[in-house]
Protein backbone atom coordinates (compact mmCIF):
# COMPACT_ATOMS: atom_id res chain seq x y z
CA UNK A 1 19.22 -34.41 38.80
CA UNK A 2 18.66 -30.92 37.49
CA UNK A 3 19.22 -31.71 33.99
CA UNK A 4 15.75 -33.08 33.68
CA UNK A 5 13.63 -30.49 36.22
CA UNK A 6 12.21 -28.57 33.30
CA UNK A 7 12.60 -25.39 32.78
CA UNK A 8 9.96 -22.86 32.89
CA UNK A 9 11.20 -20.29 30.13
CA UNK A 10 11.72 -23.42 28.10
CA UNK A 11 8.17 -24.79 28.25
CA UNK A 12 6.73 -20.63 27.83
CA UNK A 13 8.92 -20.37 25.03
CA UNK A 14 7.56 -22.98 23.13
CA UNK A 15 4.60 -22.77 23.99
CA UNK A 16 4.32 -19.08 22.74
CA UNK A 17 6.03 -20.43 19.85
CA UNK A 18 3.39 -22.84 19.11
CA UNK A 19 0.62 -20.61 19.46
CA UNK A 20 1.84 -17.44 18.05
CA UNK A 21 1.24 -18.56 14.18
CA UNK A 22 -2.75 -19.26 15.00
CA UNK A 23 -2.77 -16.52 16.88
CA UNK A 24 -1.42 -13.79 14.26
CA UNK A 25 -3.60 -15.32 11.36
CA UNK A 26 -6.76 -15.02 13.44
CA UNK A 27 -5.71 -11.20 14.28
CA UNK A 28 -4.28 -10.39 11.17
CA UNK A 29 -7.72 -11.73 8.97
CA UNK A 30 -10.07 -10.29 11.22
CA UNK A 31 -8.73 -6.98 11.23
CA UNK A 32 -8.13 -6.91 7.18
CA UNK A 33 -11.66 -8.17 6.92
CA UNK A 34 -13.19 -5.03 9.22
CA UNK A 35 -11.35 -2.82 6.89
CA UNK A 36 -12.41 -4.07 3.63
CA UNK A 37 -16.33 -4.68 4.78
CA UNK A 38 -17.00 -0.87 4.77
CA UNK A 39 -15.50 -0.52 1.48
CA UNK A 40 -17.43 -3.03 -0.54
CA UNK A 41 -14.60 -5.55 -0.81
CA UNK A 42 -16.48 -9.08 -0.04
CA UNK A 43 -13.59 -11.23 1.22
CA UNK A 44 -15.26 -13.65 2.98
CA UNK A 45 -11.96 -15.72 2.52
CA UNK A 46 -10.36 -13.72 5.27
CA UNK A 47 -13.08 -15.15 7.25
CA UNK A 48 -12.18 -18.68 6.68
CA UNK A 49 -8.93 -18.19 7.73
CA UNK A 50 -10.29 -16.25 10.98
CA UNK A 51 -12.19 -19.69 11.44
CA UNK A 52 -9.41 -22.17 11.05
CA UNK A 53 -10.37 -23.30 7.33
CA UNK A 54 -7.52 -23.08 5.26
CA UNK A 55 -8.77 -24.88 2.44
CA UNK A 56 -7.15 -28.25 2.29
CA UNK A 57 -7.05 -28.26 5.66
CA UNK A 58 -10.05 -27.35 7.92
CA UNK A 59 -9.36 -27.18 11.38
CA UNK A 60 -12.19 -25.47 12.32
CA UNK A 61 -13.66 -28.07 14.72
CA UNK A 62 -11.02 -27.43 17.25
CA UNK A 63 -9.06 -23.90 16.50
CA UNK A 64 -10.71 -21.83 18.54
CA UNK A 65 -10.44 -24.58 21.35
CA UNK A 66 -6.63 -24.69 20.32
CA UNK A 67 -6.28 -20.81 20.02
CA UNK A 68 -7.81 -20.44 23.35
CA UNK A 69 -6.26 -23.50 25.61
CA UNK A 70 -3.06 -21.91 24.36
CA UNK A 71 -3.76 -18.49 25.30
CA UNK A 72 -4.72 -19.94 28.72
CA UNK A 73 -1.41 -21.62 29.23
CA UNK A 74 1.18 -18.71 28.05
CA UNK A 75 -0.86 -15.89 30.32
CA UNK A 76 -0.42 -18.72 32.88
CA UNK A 77 3.09 -19.74 32.54
CA UNK A 78 4.25 -16.32 31.99
CA UNK A 79 2.65 -14.71 35.46
CA UNK A 80 4.34 -18.18 37.04
CA UNK A 81 7.57 -16.80 34.95
CA UNK A 82 6.79 -13.25 36.37
CA UNK A 83 6.50 -14.51 40.15
CA UNK A 84 9.28 -14.84 42.60
CA UNK A 85 10.81 -17.41 44.62
CA UNK A 86 9.91 -18.08 47.77
């Protein structure tokens, strides 16, 4: 019966791995755009990536919702891993 009990660490790793790539894209595209804007470089495609529009695949309607929910789940599962068992 112990085999079927979900391992908290495995769940945390999977959620974090799934949300890591979109979070990294969002962070990098926003940071690079903010550095290029004062230099007069118009890189509007970075804002599109930042909001989830990847050209052929447009995830804008639910991209920020996914990032928010995935971040909240990652934080909650990480905090639960730090809690000591009673």
